[in-house]
Amino acid sequence: MKLDISDIEHIATLARLHLTDEEKERYADQLSAVFDYIGMLDEVDTTGVAETCQVTGLEDVVREDVASECDEETRKKIIAQFPAKVGNLLKVKAVFTAE
């Protein structure tokens, strides 16, 4: 797959990269070579080959998120340590803002 300068400029725009003309030429050649190499994988017959998601045998270990009750004294001590609060709730910085 041969990439031209306009393809590299488009990719650079998406990645918010500022490239010189020399870099655009170099990356067009390099990425074209990489895509050509990856294209060879299309020629490999993979029928009968099982999918491999991971090879280490490790499994994700998760636990169910269960709220547990605590006595009122412990609860008050925890709330007293909040750096910022609204009532009895921990106040945190906004993650999403309305624009």
Protein backbone atom coordinates (compact mmCIF):
# COMPACT_ATOMS: atom_id res chain seq x y z
CA MET A 1 0.00 0.00 0.00
CA LYS A 2 1.66 3.16 -1.17
CA LEU A 3 0.92 6.24 0.94
CA ASP A 4 1.32 9.66 -0.61
CA ILE A 5 2.06 12.99 1.04
CA SER A 6 -1.64 13.84 1.40
CA ASP A 7 -2.16 10.60 3.40
CA ILE A 8 0.73 11.52 5.70
CA GLU A 9 -0.61 15.05 6.09
CA HIS A 10 -4.02 13.64 7.03
CA ILE A 11 -2.48 11.25 9.58
CA ALA A 12 -0.34 14.08 10.98
CA THR A 13 -3.43 16.26 11.33
CA LEU A 14 -5.29 13.52 13.20
CA ALA A 15 -2.27 13.00 15.47
CA ARG A 16 -1.76 16.77 15.79
CA LEU A 17 1.80 16.49 14.54
CA HIS A 18 3.65 19.23 12.72
CA LEU A 19 5.90 17.62 10.11
CA THR A 20 8.47 19.10 7.79
CA ASP A 21 8.37 18.24 4.08
CA GLU A 22 11.37 15.97 4.60
CA GLU A 23 9.59 14.11 7.42
CA LYS A 24 6.47 13.71 5.29
CA GLU A 25 8.51 12.09 2.52
CA ARG A 26 10.36 9.82 4.95
CA TYR A 27 7.18 8.75 6.78
CA ALA A 28 5.37 8.09 3.50
CA ASP A 29 8.13 5.66 2.50
CA GLN A 30 8.43 4.07 5.96
CA LEU A 31 4.69 3.64 6.57
CA SER A 32 4.21 2.30 3.05
CA ALA A 33 6.85 -0.35 3.75
CA VAL A 34 5.21 -1.27 7.05
CA PHE A 35 1.76 -1.58 5.43
CA ASP A 36 3.21 -3.67 2.60
CA TYR A 37 4.75 -6.01 5.15
CA ILE A 38 1.48 -6.24 7.09
CA GLY A 39 -0.30 -6.87 3.79
CA MET A 40 1.65 -10.11 3.43
CA LEU A 41 -0.39 -11.44 6.36
CA ASP A 42 -3.44 -11.45 4.08
CA GLU A 43 -1.77 -14.25 2.13
CA VAL A 44 -1.44 -16.52 5.18
CA ASP A 45 -4.02 -19.31 5.41
CA THR A 46 -5.42 -19.18 8.94
CA THR A 47 -8.31 -21.60 8.52
CA GLY A 48 -8.35 -24.00 11.42
CA VAL A 49 -6.21 -21.75 13.62
CA ALA A 50 -7.85 -20.91 16.93
CA GLU A 51 -8.02 -17.31 18.09
CA THR A 52 -5.44 -16.28 20.63
CA CYS A 53 -6.49 -13.45 22.91
CA GLN A 54 -3.53 -13.76 25.24
CA VAL A 55 -0.84 -16.35 25.80
CA THR A 56 0.23 -15.96 29.44
CA GLY A 57 -2.63 -17.95 30.96
CA LEU A 58 -3.27 -15.14 33.41
CA GLU A 59 -6.86 -14.30 34.23
CA ASP A 60 -8.43 -11.09 35.37
CA VAL A 61 -9.10 -11.27 39.08
CA VAL A 62 -12.00 -9.13 40.11
CA ARG A 63 -14.24 -9.02 43.10
CA GLU A 64 -17.81 -7.97 43.38
CA ASP A 65 -18.17 -4.38 44.54
CA VAL A 66 -20.13 -4.69 47.76
CA ALA A 67 -20.87 -1.81 50.11
CA SER A 68 -20.41 -2.70 53.76
CA GLU A 69 -21.95 -1.00 56.75
CA CYS A 70 -19.83 0.66 59.41
CA ASP A 71 -20.71 2.15 62.74
CA GLU A 72 -21.60 5.86 63.03
CA GLU A 73 -18.34 6.77 64.85
CA THR A 74 -16.16 5.27 62.09
CA ARG A 75 -18.30 6.97 59.45
CA LYS A 76 -17.89 10.37 61.12
CA LYS A 77 -14.10 9.89 61.36
CA ILE A 78 -13.89 9.09 57.67
CA ILE A 79 -16.05 12.06 56.67
CA ALA A 80 -13.96 14.34 58.90
CA GLN A 81 -10.88 13.44 56.83
CA PHE A 82 -12.43 14.50 53.50
CA PRO A 83 -10.39 17.38 52.04
CA ALA A 84 -13.60 18.93 50.64
CA LYS A 85 -17.17 17.91 51.24
CA VAL A 86 -20.76 18.80 50.56
CA GLY A 87 -22.87 17.65 53.47
CA ASN A 88 -21.67 14.12 54.18
CA LEU A 89 -20.41 13.56 50.63
CA LEU A 90 -16.84 13.77 49.35
CA LYS A 91 -16.49 16.65 46.87
CA VAL A 92 -14.18 15.93 43.93
CA LYS A 93 -13.07 17.91 40.89
CA ALA A 94 -15.40 17.69 37.89
CA VAL A 95 -14.44 15.07 35.33
CA PHE A 96 -16.86 16.21 32.66
CA THR A 97 -17.84 19.80 32.12
CA ALA A 98 -20.79 21.18 30.20
CA GLU A 99 -19.75 23.41 27.35
